[in-house]
């Protein structure tokens, strides 16, 4: 698997993590219960962090190589921060819904944009 394929794979994995976090957040709000920190929150947050750290290296290289018009390093940094926050806050029902949803949409925007650009490049 070459670097770009691995980057695409990690992007899809992060997208799945965001979907998981969104479902967990809805569950936490419906049940009104926090997740168990050591058995649920920390393992999920660590998994997301590990994946996002790998993804970051590929993203930096990919942006440098492809120079996408509407994607910059600040957005990658913000995406990493949002992923870290989402992966923890998803387990707490008192997390504000608007801010949580906004973070998720922001992450989806960047990940989907990258996937669209890589797919367009494959089709050329």
PDB file of N, CA and C in Angstrom:
ATOM      1  N   UNK A   1       0.853  -1.181   0.000  1.00  0.00           N
ATOM      2  CA  UNK A   1       0.000   0.000   0.000  1.00  0.00           C
ATOM      3  C   UNK A   1       0.898   1.243   0.000  1.00  0.00           C
ATOM      4  N   UNK A   2       0.689   2.133  -0.963  1.00  0.00           N
ATOM      5  CA  UNK A   2       1.515   3.339  -1.008  1.00  0.00           C
ATOM      6  C   UNK A   2       0.994   4.381  -0.013  1.00  0.00           C
ATOM      7  N   UNK A   3       1.744   5.471   0.104  1.00  0.00           N
ATOM      8  CA  UNK A   3       1.417   6.495   1.106  1.00  0.00           C
ATOM      9  C   UNK A   3       0.042   7.103   0.898  1.00  0.00           C
ATOM     10  N   UNK A   4      -0.300   7.383  -0.346  1.00  0.00           N
ATOM     11  CA  UNK A   4      -1.593   8.015  -0.598  1.00  0.00           C
ATOM     12  C   UNK A   4      -2.748   7.070  -0.262  1.00  0.00           C
ATOM     13  N   UNK A   5      -2.585   5.789  -0.571  1.00  0.00           N
ATOM     14  CA  UNK A   5      -3.619   4.816  -0.214  1.00  0.00           C
ATOM     15  C   UNK A   5      -3.778   4.720   1.298  1.00  0.00           C
ATOM     16  N   UNK A   6      -2.656   4.757   2.004  1.00  0.00           N
ATOM     17  CA  UNK A   6      -2.710   4.708   3.465  1.00  0.00           C
ATOM     18  C   UNK A   6      -3.372   5.969   4.015  1.00  0.00           C
ATOM     19  N   UNK A   7      -3.056   7.110   3.421  1.00  0.00           N
ATOM     20  CA  UNK A   7      -3.675   8.377   3.817  1.00  0.00           C
ATOM     21  C   UNK A   7      -5.192   8.318   3.614  1.00  0.00           C
ATOM     22  N   UNK A   8      -5.630   7.803   2.489  1.00  0.00           N
ATOM     23  CA  UNK A   8      -7.067   7.673   2.210  1.00  0.00           C
ATOM     24  C   UNK A   8      -7.717   6.715   3.203  1.00  0.00           C
ATOM     25  N   UNK A   9      -7.045   5.607   3.475  1.00  0.00           N
ATOM     26  CA  UNK A   9      -7.561   4.634   4.431  1.00  0.00           C
ATOM     27  C   UNK A   9      -7.702   5.249   5.824  1.00  0.00           C
ATOM     28  N   UNK A  10      -6.701   5.995   6.264  1.00  0.00           N
ATOM     29  CA  UNK A  10      -6.764   6.661   7.565  1.00  0.00           C
ATOM     30  C   UNK A  10      -7.868   7.717   7.597  1.00  0.00           C
ATOM     31  N   UNK A  11      -8.075   8.390   6.480  1.00  0.00           N
ATOM     32  CA  UNK A  11      -9.146   9.393   6.395  1.00  0.00           C
ATOM     33  C   UNK A  11     -10.499   8.724   6.570  1.00  0.00           C
ATOM     34  N   UNK A  12     -10.707   7.582   5.918  1.00  0.00           N
ATOM     35  CA  UNK A  12     -11.953   6.827   6.095  1.00  0.00           C
ATOM     36  C   UNK A  12     -12.105   6.339   7.542  1.00  0.00           C
ATOM     37  N   UNK A  13     -11.012   5.895   8.134  1.00  0.00           N
ATOM     38  CA  UNK A  13     -11.053   5.424   9.522  1.00  0.00           C
ATOM     39  C   UNK A  13     -11.446   6.559  10.462  1.00  0.00           C
ATOM     40  N   UNK A  14     -10.868   7.738  10.254  1.00  0.00           N
ATOM     41  CA  UNK A  14     -11.231   8.888  11.091  1.00  0.00           C
ATOM     42  C   UNK A  14     -12.704   9.241  10.917  1.00  0.00           C
ATOM     43  N   UNK A  15     -13.174   9.123   9.694  1.00  0.00           N
ATOM     44  CA  UNK A  15     -14.592   9.408   9.426  1.00  0.00           C
ATOM     45  C   UNK A  15     -15.481   8.432  10.214  1.00  0.00           C
ATOM     46  N   UNK A  16     -15.083   7.173  10.257  1.00  0.00           N
ATOM     47  CA  UNK A  16     -15.835   6.177  11.033  1.00  0.00           C
ATOM     48  C   UNK A  16     -15.789   6.490  12.524  1.00  0.00           C
ATOM     49  N   UNK A  17     -14.644   6.958  12.989  1.00  0.00           N
ATOM     50  CA  UNK A  17     -14.531   7.344  14.398  1.00  0.00           C
ATOM     51  C   UNK A  17     -15.479   8.502  14.731  1.00  0.00           C
ATOM     52  N   UNK A  18     -15.592   9.438  13.812  1.00  0.00           N
ATOM     53  CA  UNK A  18     -16.503  10.565  14.027  1.00  0.00           C
ATOM     54  C   UNK A  18     -17.948  10.064  14.070  1.00  0.00           C
ATOM     55  N   UNK A  19     -18.295   9.142  13.179  1.00  0.00           N
ATOM     56  CA  UNK A  19     -19.642   8.555  13.193  1.00  0.00           C
ATOM     57  C   UNK A  19     -19.902   7.845  14.521  1.00  0.00           C
ATOM     58  N   UNK A  20     -18.924   7.109  14.997  1.00  0.00           N
ATOM     59  CA  UNK A  20     -19.043   6.414  16.276  1.00  0.00           C
ATOM     60  C   UNK A  20     -19.237   7.413  17.410  1.00  0.00           C
ATOM     61  N   UNK A  21     -18.468   8.489  17.391  1.00  0.00           N
ATOM     62  CA  UNK A  21     -18.587   9.514  18.429  1.00  0.00           C
ATOM     63  C   UNK A  21     -19.973  10.162  18.404  1.00  0.00           C
ATOM     64  N   UNK A  22     -20.488  10.426  17.218  1.00  0.00           N
ATOM     65  CA  UNK A  22     -21.812  11.040  17.095  1.00  0.00           C
ATOM     66  C   UNK A  22     -22.887  10.121  17.669  1.00  0.00           C
ATOM     67  N   UNK A  23     -22.798   8.826  17.359  1.00  0.00           N
ATOM     68  CA  UNK A  23     -23.772   7.863  17.894  1.00  0.00           C
ATOM     69  C   UNK A  23     -23.640   7.747  19.405  1.00  0.00           C
ATOM     70  N   UNK A  24     -22.405   7.733  19.895  1.00  0.00           N
ATOM     71  CA  UNK A  24     -22.172   7.656  21.342  1.00  0.00           C
ATOM     72  C   UNK A  24     -22.744   8.880  22.041  1.00  0.00           C
ATOM     73  N   UNK A  25     -22.584  10.035  21.440  1.00  0.00           N
ATOM     74  CA  UNK A  25     -23.107  11.269  22.029  1.00  0.00           C
ATOM     75  C   UNK A  25     -24.628  11.208  22.137  1.00  0.00           C
ATOM     76  N   UNK A  26     -25.284  10.766  21.077  1.00  0.00           N
ATOM     77  CA  UNK A  26     -26.752  10.645  21.110  1.00  0.00           C
ATOM     78  C   UNK A  26     -27.181   9.656  22.194  1.00  0.00           C
ATOM     79  N   UNK A  27     -26.470   8.554  22.307  1.00  0.00           N
ATOM     80  CA  UNK A  27     -26.774   7.550  23.333  1.00  0.00           C
ATOM     81  C   UNK A  27     -26.605   8.145  24.736  1.00  0.00           C
ATOM     82  N   UNK A  28     -25.515   8.869  24.943  1.00  0.00           N
ATOM     83  CA  UNK A  28     -25.253   9.486  26.247  1.00  0.00           C
ATOM     84  C   UNK A  28     -26.335  10.496  26.597  1.00  0.00           C
ATOM     85  N   UNK A  29     -26.784  11.260  25.610  1.00  0.00           N
ATOM     86  CA  UNK A  29     -27.841  12.254  25.869  1.00  0.00           C
ATOM     87  C   UNK A  29     -29.167  11.580  26.166  1.00  0.00           C
ATOM     88  N   UNK A  30     -29.491  10.525  25.419  1.00  0.00           N
ATOM     89  CA  UNK A  30     -30.755   9.825  25.647  1.00  0.00           C
ATOM     90  C   UNK A  30     -30.784   9.172  27.023  1.00  0.00           C
ATOM     91  N   UNK A  31     -29.680   8.526  27.395  1.00  0.00           N
ATOM     92  CA  UNK A  31     -29.623   7.809  28.665  1.00  0.00           C
ATOM     93  C   UNK A  31     -29.272   8.717  29.830  1.00  0.00           C
ATOM     94  N   UNK A  32     -28.681   9.864  29.535  1.00  0.00           N
ATOM     95  CA  UNK A  32     -28.303  10.801  30.588  1.00  0.00           C
ATOM     96  C   UNK A  32     -27.166  10.300  31.461  1.00  0.00           C
ATOM     97  N   UNK A  33     -26.357   9.389  30.921  1.00  0.00           N
ATOM     98  CA  UNK A  33     -25.260   8.826  31.696  1.00  0.00           C
ATOM     99  C   UNK A  33     -23.925   9.033  31.003  1.00  0.00           C
ATOM    100  N   UNK A  34     -22.918   9.332  31.826  1.00  0.00           N
ATOM    101  CA  UNK A  34     -21.566   9.462  31.299  1.00  0.00           C
ATOM    102  C   UNK A  34     -20.981   8.085  31.034  1.00  0.00           C
ATOM    103  N   UNK A  35     -20.057   8.051  30.088  1.00  0.00           N
ATOM    104  CA  UNK A  35     -19.343   6.806  29.837  1.00  0.00           C
ATOM    105  C   UNK A  35     -18.319   6.564  30.928  1.00  0.00           C
ATOM    106  N   UNK A  36     -17.968   5.325  31.149  1.00  0.00           N
ATOM    107  CA  UNK A  36     -16.932   4.966  32.112  1.00  0.00           C
ATOM    108  C   UNK A  36     -15.586   5.414  31.557  1.00  0.00           C
ATOM    109  N   UNK A  37     -14.866   6.228  32.321  1.00  0.00           N
ATOM    110  CA  UNK A  37     -13.657   6.847  31.804  1.00  0.00           C
ATOM    111  C   UNK A  37     -12.612   5.821  31.368  1.00  0.00           C
ATOM    112  N   UNK A  38     -12.297   4.869  32.253  1.00  0.00           N
ATOM    113  CA  UNK A  38     -11.204   3.938  31.950  1.00  0.00           C
ATOM    114  C   UNK A  38     -11.599   2.812  31.002  1.00  0.00           C
ATOM    115  N   UNK A  39     -12.871   2.465  30.951  1.00  0.00           N
ATOM    116  CA  UNK A  39     -13.302   1.362  30.101  1.00  0.00           C
ATOM    117  C   UNK A  39     -13.858   1.795  28.754  1.00  0.00           C
ATOM    118  N   UNK A  40     -14.316   3.046  28.654  1.00  0.00           N
ATOM    119  CA  UNK A  40     -14.918   3.514  27.398  1.00  0.00           C
ATOM    120  C   UNK A  40     -14.229   4.756  26.841  1.00  0.00           C
ATOM    121  N   UNK A  41     -14.192   5.822  27.644  1.00  0.00           N
ATOM    122  CA  UNK A  41     -13.711   7.118  27.154  1.00  0.00           C
ATOM    123  C   UNK A  41     -12.238   7.058  26.750  1.00  0.00           C
ATOM    124  N   UNK A  42     -11.383   6.668  27.668  1.00  0.00           N
ATOM    125  CA  UNK A  42      -9.945   6.669  27.397  1.00  0.00           C
ATOM    126  C   UNK A  42      -9.557   5.738  26.241  1.00  0.00           C
ATOM    127  N   UNK A  43     -10.041   4.487  26.198  1.00  0.00           N
ATOM    128  CA  UNK A  43      -9.660   3.643  25.050  1.00  0.00           C
ATOM    129  C   UNK A  43     -10.079   4.226  23.700  1.00  0.00           C
ATOM    130  N   UNK A  44     -11.299   4.789  23.642  1.00  0.00           N
ATOM    131  CA  UNK A  44     -11.759   5.382  22.379  1.00  0.00           C
ATOM    132  C   UNK A  44     -10.924   6.609  22.026  1.00  0.00           C
ATOM    133  N   UNK A  45     -10.710   7.488  23.004  1.00  0.00           N
ATOM    134  CA  UNK A  45      -9.932   8.705  22.758  1.00  0.00           C
ATOM    135  C   UNK A  45      -8.496   8.360  22.350  1.00  0.00           C
ATOM    136  N   UNK A  46      -7.905   7.345  22.972  1.00  0.00           N
ATOM    137  CA  UNK A  46      -6.544   6.928  22.610  1.00  0.00           C
ATOM    138  C   UNK A  46      -6.486   6.385  21.187  1.00  0.00           C
ATOM    139  N   UNK A  47      -7.494   5.613  20.802  1.00  0.00           N
ATOM    140  CA  UNK A  47      -7.554   5.060  19.450  1.00  0.00           C
ATOM    141  C   UNK A  47      -7.665   6.177  18.402  1.00  0.00           C
ATOM    142  N   UNK A  48      -8.544   7.147  18.677  1.00  0.00           N
ATOM    143  CA  UNK A  48      -8.709   8.283  17.768  1.00  0.00           C
ATOM    144  C   UNK A  48      -7.417   9.091  17.696  1.00  0.00           C
ATOM    145  N   UNK A  49      -6.792   9.313  18.840  1.00  0.00           N
ATOM    146  CA  UNK A  49      -5.554  10.097  18.897  1.00  0.00           C
ATOM    147  C   UNK A  49      -4.443   9.422  18.084  1.00  0.00           C
ATOM    148  N   UNK A  50      -4.297   8.109  18.244  1.00  0.00           N
ATOM    149  CA  UNK A  50      -3.266   7.380  17.509  1.00  0.00           C
ATOM    150  C   UNK A  50      -3.500   7.468  15.999  1.00  0.00           C
ATOM    151  N   UNK A  51      -4.740   7.267  15.592  1.00  0.00           N
ATOM    152  CA  UNK A  51      -5.085   7.332  14.173  1.00  0.00           C
ATOM    153  C   UNK A  51      -4.876   8.752  13.634  1.00  0.00           C
ATOM    154  N   UNK A  52      -5.300   9.752  14.388  1.00  0.00           N
ATOM    155  CA  UNK A  52      -5.180  11.135  13.912  1.00  0.00           C
ATOM    156  C   UNK A  52      -3.720  11.583  13.855  1.00  0.00           C
ATOM    157  N   UNK A  53      -2.886  11.084  14.757  1.00  0.00           N
ATOM    158  CA  UNK A  53      -1.457  11.417  14.697  1.00  0.00           C
ATOM    159  C   UNK A  53      -0.812  10.844  13.439  1.00  0.00           C
ATOM    160  N   UNK A  54      -1.159   9.608  13.091  1.00  0.00           N
ATOM    161  CA  UNK A  54      -0.658   9.018  11.844  1.00  0.00           C
ATOM    162  C   UNK A  54      -1.165   9.817  10.652  1.00  0.00           C
ATOM    163  N   UNK A  55      -2.450  10.128  10.680  1.00  0.00           N
ATOM    164  CA  UNK A  55      -3.090  10.857   9.588  1.00  0.00           C
ATOM    165  C   UNK A  55      -2.440  12.216   9.374  1.00  0.00           C
ATOM    166  N   UNK A  56      -2.083  12.886  10.467  1.00  0.00           N
ATOM    167  CA  UNK A  56      -1.495  14.216  10.379  1.00  0.00           C
ATOM    168  C   UNK A  56      -0.216  14.210   9.536  1.00  0.00           C
ATOM    169  N   UNK A  57       0.648  13.239   9.767  1.00  0.00           N
ATOM    170  CA  UNK A  57       1.888  13.169   8.999  1.00  0.00           C
ATOM    171  C   UNK A  57       1.629  13.036   7.507  1.00  0.00           C
ATOM    172  N   UNK A  58       0.678  12.174   7.162  1.00  0.00           N
ATOM    173  CA  UNK A  58       0.327  11.998   5.756  1.00  0.00           C
ATOM    174  C   UNK A  58      -0.353  13.249   5.198  1.00  0.00           C
ATOM    175  N   UNK A  59      -1.190  13.882   6.013  1.00  0.00           N
ATOM    176  CA  UNK A  59      -1.907  15.074   5.559  1.00  0.00           C
ATOM    177  C   UNK A  59      -0.931  16.212   5.243  1.00  0.00           C
ATOM    178  N   UNK A  60       0.049  16.402   6.104  1.00  0.00           N
ATOM    179  CA  UNK A  60       1.047  17.453   5.890  1.00  0.00           C
ATOM    180  C   UNK A  60       1.791  17.201   4.576  1.00  0.00           C
ATOM    181  N   UNK A  61       2.213  15.965   4.391  1.00  0.00           N
ATOM    182  CA  UNK A  61       2.931  15.605   3.168  1.00  0.00           C
ATOM    183  C   UNK A  61       2.032  15.757   1.936  1.00  0.00           C
ATOM    184  N   UNK A  62       0.786  15.309   2.058  1.00  0.00           N
ATOM    185  CA  UNK A  62      -0.154  15.353   0.935  1.00  0.00           C
ATOM    186  C   UNK A  62      -0.462  16.801   0.536  1.00  0.00           C
ATOM    187  N   UNK A  63      -0.657  17.671   1.519  1.00  0.00           N
ATOM    188  CA  UNK A  63      -0.929  19.085   1.226  1.00  0.00           C
ATOM    189  C   UNK A  63       0.290  19.725   0.553  1.00  0.00           C
ATOM    190  N   UNK A  64       1.472  19.417   1.057  1.00  0.00           N
ATOM    191  CA  UNK A  64       2.692  19.961   0.460  1.00  0.00           C
ATOM    192  C   UNK A  64       2.861  19.530  -0.985  1.00  0.00           C
ATOM    193  N   UNK A  65       2.507  18.292  -1.268  1.00  0.00           N
ATOM    194  CA  UNK A  65       2.669  17.741  -2.611  1.00  0.00           C
ATOM    195  C   UNK A  65       1.575  18.219  -3.572  1.00  0.00           C
ATOM    196  N   UNK A  66       0.318  18.200  -3.117  1.00  0.00           N
ATOM    197  CA  UNK A  66      -0.823  18.481  -4.004  1.00  0.00           C
ATOM    198  C   UNK A  66      -1.312  19.922  -3.981  1.00  0.00           C
ATOM    199  N   UNK A  67      -0.955  20.654  -2.947  1.00  0.00           N
ATOM    200  CA  UNK A  67      -1.343  22.062  -2.804  1.00  0.00           C
ATOM    201  C   UNK A  67      -2.826  22.312  -3.133  1.00  0.00           C
ATOM    202  N   UNK A  68      -3.725  21.678  -2.387  1.00  0.00           N
ATOM    203  CA  UNK A  68      -5.155  21.895  -2.646  1.00  0.00           C
ATOM    204  C   UNK A  68      -5.527  23.355  -2.409  1.00  0.00           C
ATOM    205  N   UNK A  69      -6.391  23.863  -3.266  1.00  0.00           N
ATOM    206  CA  UNK A  69      -6.745  25.279  -3.262  1.00  0.00           C
ATOM    207  C   UNK A  69      -7.438  25.722  -1.972  1.00  0.00           C
ATOM    208  N   UNK A  70      -8.328  24.880  -1.437  1.00  0.00           N
ATOM    209  CA  UNK A  70      -9.139  25.293  -0.292  1.00  0.00           C
ATOM    210  C   UNK A  70      -8.849  24.498   0.977  1.00  0.00           C
ATOM    211  N   UNK A  71      -7.633  24.021   1.118  1.00  0.00           N
ATOM    212  CA  UNK A  71      -7.263  23.276   2.316  1.00  0.00           C
ATOM    213  C   UNK A  71      -5.866  23.699   2.748  1.00  0.00           C
ATOM    214  N   UNK A  72      -5.760  24.111   4.014  1.00  0.00           N
ATOM    215  CA  UNK A  72      -4.502  24.631   4.525  1.00  0.00           C
ATOM    216  C   UNK A  72      -4.133  23.939   5.833  1.00  0.00           C
ATOM    217  N   UNK A  73      -2.902  24.120   6.254  1.00  0.00           N
ATOM    218  CA  UNK A  73      -2.413  23.469   7.463  1.00  0.00           C
ATOM    219  C   UNK A  73      -3.222  23.847   8.701  1.00  0.00           C
ATOM    220  N   UNK A  74      -3.686  25.065   8.783  1.00  0.00           N
ATOM    221  CA  UNK A  74      -4.496  25.479   9.941  1.00  0.00           C
ATOM    222  C   UNK A  74      -5.750  24.618  10.061  1.00  0.00           C
ATOM    223  N   UNK A  75      -6.324  24.240   8.927  1.00  0.00           N
ATOM    224  CA  UNK A  75      -7.518  23.388   8.943  1.00  0.00           C
ATOM    225  C   UNK A  75      -7.181  21.982   9.424  1.00  0.00           C
ATOM    226  N   UNK A  76      -6.012  21.490   9.072  1.00  0.00           N
ATOM    227  CA  UNK A  76      -5.575  20.175   9.542  1.00  0.00           C
ATOM    228  C   UNK A  76      -5.397  20.226  11.058  1.00  0.00           C
ATOM    229  N   UNK A  77      -4.752  21.278  11.542  1.00  0.00           N
ATOM    230  CA  UNK A  77      -4.549  21.442  12.984  1.00  0.00           C
ATOM    231  C   UNK A  77      -5.893  21.537  13.718  1.00  0.00           C
ATOM    232  N   UNK A  78      -6.820  22.313  13.174  1.00  0.00           N
ATOM    233  CA  UNK A  78      -8.145  22.447  13.784  1.00  0.00           C
ATOM    234  C   UNK A  78      -8.892  21.116  13.766  1.00  0.00           C
ATOM    235  N   UNK A  79      -8.736  20.365  12.701  1.00  0.00           N
ATOM    236  CA  UNK A  79      -9.386  19.057  12.589  1.00  0.00           C
ATOM    237  C   UNK A  79      -8.848  18.110  13.660  1.00  0.00           C
ATOM    238  N   UNK A  80      -7.550  18.109  13.849  1.00  0.00           N
ATOM    239  CA  UNK A  80      -6.945  17.256  14.884  1.00  0.00           C
ATOM    240  C   UNK A  80      -7.455  17.641  16.270  1.00  0.00           C
ATOM    241  N   UNK A  81      -7.516  18.919  16.533  1.00  0.00           N
ATOM    242  CA  UNK A  81      -8.027  19.389  17.827  1.00  0.00           C
ATOM    243  C   UNK A  81      -9.491  18.989  18.014  1.00  0.00           C
ATOM    244  N   UNK A  82     -10.288  19.184  16.976  1.00  0.00           N
ATOM    245  CA  UNK A  82     -11.706  18.818  17.060  1.00  0.00           C
ATOM    246  C   UNK A  82     -11.891  17.315  17.256  1.00  0.00           C
ATOM    247  N   UNK A  83     -11.078  16.511  16.586  1.00  0.00           N
ATOM    248  CA  UNK A  83     -11.152  15.060  16.761  1.00  0.00           C
ATOM    249  C   UNK A  83     -10.866  14.667  18.202  1.00  0.00           C
ATOM    250  N   UNK A  84      -9.861  15.294  18.771  1.00  0.00           N
ATOM    251  CA  UNK A  84      -9.489  14.995  20.158  1.00  0.00           C
ATOM    252  C   UNK A  84     -10.632  15.367  21.111  1.00  0.00           C
ATOM    253  N   UNK A  85     -11.222  16.512  20.904  1.00  0.00           N
ATOM    254  CA  UNK A  85     -12.310  16.980  21.762  1.00  0.00           C
ATOM    255  C   UNK A  85     -13.548  16.107  21.596  1.00  0.00           C
ATOM    256  N   UNK A  86     -13.908  15.817  20.361  1.00  0.00           N
ATOM    257  CA  UNK A  86     -15.090  14.999  20.065  1.00  0.00           C
ATOM    258  C   UNK A  86     -14.974  13.619  20.700  1.00  0.00           C
ATOM    259  N   UNK A  87     -13.769  13.037  20.607  1.00  0.00           N
ATOM    260  CA  UNK A  87     -13.581  11.669  21.094  1.00  0.00           C
ATOM    261  C   UNK A  87     -13.792  11.549  22.597  1.00  0.00           C
ATOM    262  N   UNK A  88     -13.652  12.631  23.319  1.00  0.00           N
ATOM    263  CA  UNK A  88     -13.891  12.625  24.762  1.00  0.00           C
ATOM    264  C   UNK A  88     -15.303  13.105  25.085  1.00  0.00           C
ATOM    265  N   UNK A  89     -15.703  14.225  24.506  1.00  0.00           N
ATOM    266  CA  UNK A  89     -16.994  14.820  24.847  1.00  0.00           C
ATOM    267  C   UNK A  89     -18.184  13.958  24.442  1.00  0.00           C
ATOM    268  N   UNK A  90     -17.991  13.040  23.517  1.00  0.00           N
ATOM    269  CA  UNK A  90     -19.087  12.179  23.066  1.00  0.00           C
ATOM    270  C   UNK A  90     -19.680  11.360  24.210  1.00  0.00           C
ATOM    271  N   UNK A  91     -18.923  11.147  25.254  1.00  0.00           N
ATOM    272  CA  UNK A  91     -19.361  10.298  26.356  1.00  0.00           C
ATOM    273  C   UNK A  91     -20.035  11.067  27.492  1.00  0.00           C
ATOM    274  N   UNK A  92     -20.198  12.371  27.325  1.00  0.00           N
ATOM    275  CA  UNK A  92     -20.741  13.194  28.402  1.00  0.00           C
ATOM    276  C   UNK A  92     -22.025  13.893  27.951  1.00  0.00           C
ATOM    277  N   UNK A  93     -23.155  13.538  28.568  1.00  0.00           N
ATOM    278  CA  UNK A  93     -24.447  14.089  28.136  1.00  0.00           C
ATOM    279  C   UNK A  93     -24.568  15.601  28.339  1.00  0.00           C
ATOM    280  N   UNK A  94     -23.779  16.156  29.240  1.00  0.00           N
ATOM    281  CA  UNK A  94     -23.865  17.602  29.486  1.00  0.00           C
ATOM    282  C   UNK A  94     -23.124  18.431  28.440  1.00  0.00           C
ATOM    283  N   UNK A  95     -22.445  17.773  27.511  1.00  0.00           N
ATOM    284  CA  UNK A  95     -21.770  18.476  26.416  1.00  0.00           C
ATOM    285  C   UNK A  95     -22.816  19.227  25.593  1.00  0.00           C
ATOM    286  N   UNK A  96     -22.547  20.490  25.309  1.00  0.00           N
ATOM    287  CA  UNK A  96     -23.469  21.303  24.524  1.00  0.00           C
ATOM    288  C   UNK A  96     -23.653  20.750  23.125  1.00  0.00           C
ATOM    289  N   UNK A  97     -24.889  20.565  22.722  1.00  0.00           N
ATOM    290  CA  UNK A  97     -25.194  19.927  21.439  1.00  0.00           C
ATOM    291  C   UNK A  97     -24.715  20.747  20.246  1.00  0.00           C
ATOM    292  N   UNK A  98     -24.991  22.051  20.237  1.00  0.00           N
ATOM    293  CA  UNK A  98     -24.623  22.868  19.075  1.00  0.00           C
ATOM    294  C   UNK A  98     -23.114  22.845  18.834  1.00  0.00           C
ATOM    295  N   UNK A  99     -22.361  23.055  19.868  1.00  0.00           N
ATOM    296  CA  UNK A  99     -20.904  23.084  19.724  1.00  0.00           C
ATOM    297  C   UNK A  99     -20.375  21.708  19.279  1.00  0.00           C
ATOM    298  N   UNK A 100     -20.924  20.643  19.849  1.00  0.00           N
ATOM    299  CA  UNK A 100     -20.505  19.288  19.485  1.00  0.00           C
ATOM    300  C   UNK A 100     -20.803  19.016  18.016  1.00  0.00           C
ATOM    301  N   UNK A 101     -22.014  19.332  17.597  1.00  0.00           N
ATOM    302  CA  UNK A 101     -22.420  19.114  16.194  1.00  0.00           C
ATOM    303  C   UNK A 101     -21.577  19.980  15.254  1.00  0.00           C
ATOM    304  N   UNK A 102     -21.301  21.209  15.640  1.00  0.00           N
ATOM    305  CA  UNK A 102     -20.461  22.078  14.807  1.00  0.00           C
ATOM    306  C   UNK A 102     -19.059  21.494  14.617  1.00  0.00           C
ATOM    307  N   UNK A 103     -18.507  20.941  15.686  1.00  0.00           N
ATOM    308  CA  UNK A 103     -17.173  20.325  15.585  1.00  0.00           C
ATOM    309  C   UNK A 103     -17.210  19.125  14.642  1.00  0.00           C
ATOM    310  N   UNK A 104     -18.251  18.309  14.774  1.00  0.00           N
ATOM    311  CA  UNK A 104     -18.390  17.139  13.909  1.00  0.00           C
ATOM    312  C   UNK A 104     -18.512  17.568  12.448  1.00  0.00           C
ATOM    313  N   UNK A 105     -19.329  18.559  12.188  1.00  0.00           N
ATOM    314  CA  UNK A 105     -19.498  19.028  10.808  1.00  0.00           C
ATOM    315  C   UNK A 105     -18.203  19.589  10.246  1.00  0.00           C
ATOM    316  N   UNK A 106     -17.443  20.266  11.079  1.00  0.00           N
ATOM    317  CA  UNK A 106     -16.160  20.813  10.649  1.00  0.00           C
ATOM    318  C   UNK A 106     -15.194  19.690  10.263  1.00  0.00           C
ATOM    319  N   UNK A 107     -15.148  18.639  11.079  1.00  0.00           N
ATOM    320  CA  UNK A 107     -14.267  17.506  10.783  1.00  0.00           C
ATOM    321  C   UNK A 107     -14.729  16.803   9.502  1.00  0.00           C
ATOM    322  N   UNK A 108     -16.023  16.555   9.403  1.00  0.00           N
ATOM    323  CA  UNK A 108     -16.557  15.927   8.187  1.00  0.00           C
ATOM    324  C   UNK A 108     -16.193  16.740   6.948  1.00  0.00           C
ATOM    325  N   UNK A 109     -16.308  18.051   7.046  1.00  0.00           N
ATOM    326  CA  UNK A 109     -16.016  18.926   5.905  1.00  0.00           C
ATOM    327  C   UNK A 109     -14.588  18.697   5.400  1.00  0.00           C
ATOM    328  N   UNK A 110     -13.632  18.698   6.303  1.00  0.00           N
ATOM    329  CA  UNK A 110     -12.232  18.527   5.906  1.00  0.00           C
ATOM    330  C   UNK A 110     -11.985  17.115   5.371  1.00  0.00           C
ATOM    331  N   UNK A 111     -12.471  16.103   6.089  1.00  0.00           N
ATOM    332  CA  UNK A 111     -12.245  14.718   5.654  1.00  0.00           C
ATOM    333  C   UNK A 111     -12.907  14.444   4.306  1.00  0.00           C
ATOM    334  N   UNK A 112     -14.137  14.906   4.143  1.00  0.00           N
ATOM    335  CA  UNK A 112     -14.850  14.682   2.881  1.00  0.00           C
ATOM    336  C   UNK A 112     -14.205  15.439   1.721  1.00  0.00           C
ATOM    337  N   UNK A 113     -13.686  16.620   2.007  1.00  0.00           N
ATOM    338  CA  UNK A 113     -13.001  17.393   0.973  1.00  0.00           C
ATOM    339  C   UNK A 113     -11.753  16.646   0.499  1.00  0.00           C
ATOM    340  N   UNK A 114     -10.999  16.109   1.443  1.00  0.00           N
ATOM    341  CA  UNK A 114      -9.804  15.339   1.089  1.00  0.00           C
ATOM    342  C   UNK A 114     -10.193  14.116   0.259  1.00  0.00           C
ATOM    343  N   UNK A 115     -11.223  13.403   0.696  1.00  0.00           N
ATOM    344  CA  UNK A 115     -11.658  12.216  -0.043  1.00  0.00           C
ATOM    345  C   UNK A 115     -12.129  12.574  -1.450  1.00  0.00           C
ATOM    346  N   UNK A 116     -12.830  13.688  -1.584  1.00  0.00           N
ATOM    347  CA  UNK A 116     -13.286  14.135  -2.904  1.00  0.00           C
ATOM    348  C   UNK A 116     -12.107  14.477  -3.811  1.00  0.00           C
ATOM    349  N   UNK A 117     -11.100  15.155  -3.255  1.00  0.00           N
ATOM    350  CA  UNK A 117      -9.923  15.517  -4.059  1.00  0.00           C
ATOM    351  C   UNK A 117      -9.125  14.288  -4.488  1.00  0.00           C
ATOM    352  N   UNK A 118      -8.983  13.336  -3.578  1.00  0.00           N
ATOM    353  CA  UNK A 118      -8.215  12.135  -3.933  1.00  0.00           C
ATOM    354  C   UNK A 118      -8.971  11.293  -4.957  1.00  0.00           C
ATOM    355  N   UNK A 119     -10.289  11.261  -4.846  1.00  0.00           N
ATOM    356  CA  UNK A 119     -11.102  10.519  -5.827  1.00  0.00           C
ATOM    357  C   UNK A 119     -11.045  11.197  -7.190  1.00  0.00           C
ATOM    358  N   UNK A 120     -11.117  12.533  -7.218  1.00  0.00           N
ATOM    359  CA  UNK A 120     -11.037  13.275  -8.476  1.00  0.00           C
ATOM    360  C   UNK A 120      -9.688  13.058  -9.144  1.00  0.00           C
ATOM    361  N   UNK A 121      -8.666  12.980  -8.327  1.00  0.00           N
ATOM    362  CA  UNK A 121      -7.316  12.761  -8.862  1.00  0.00           C
ATOM    363  C   UNK A 121      -7.199  11.371  -9.483  1.00  0.00           C
ATOM    364  N   UNK A 122      -7.843  10.371  -8.833  1.00  0.00           N
ATOM    365  CA  UNK A 122      -7.834   9.004  -9.372  1.00  0.00           C
ATOM    366  C   UNK A 122      -8.562   8.929 -10.715  1.00  0.00           C
ATOM    367  N   UNK A 123      -9.621   9.725 -10.879  1.00  0.00           N
ATOM    368  CA  UNK A 123     -10.428   9.681 -12.086  1.00  0.00           C
ATOM    369  C   UNK A 123      -9.806  10.407 -13.272  1.00  0.00           C
ATOM    370  N   UNK A 124      -8.728  11.143 -13.042  1.00  0.00           N
ATOM    371  CA  UNK A 124      -8.087  11.883 -14.138  1.00  0.00           C
ATOM    372  C   UNK A 124      -7.272  10.969 -15.000  1.00  0.00           C
TER     373      UNK A 124
END
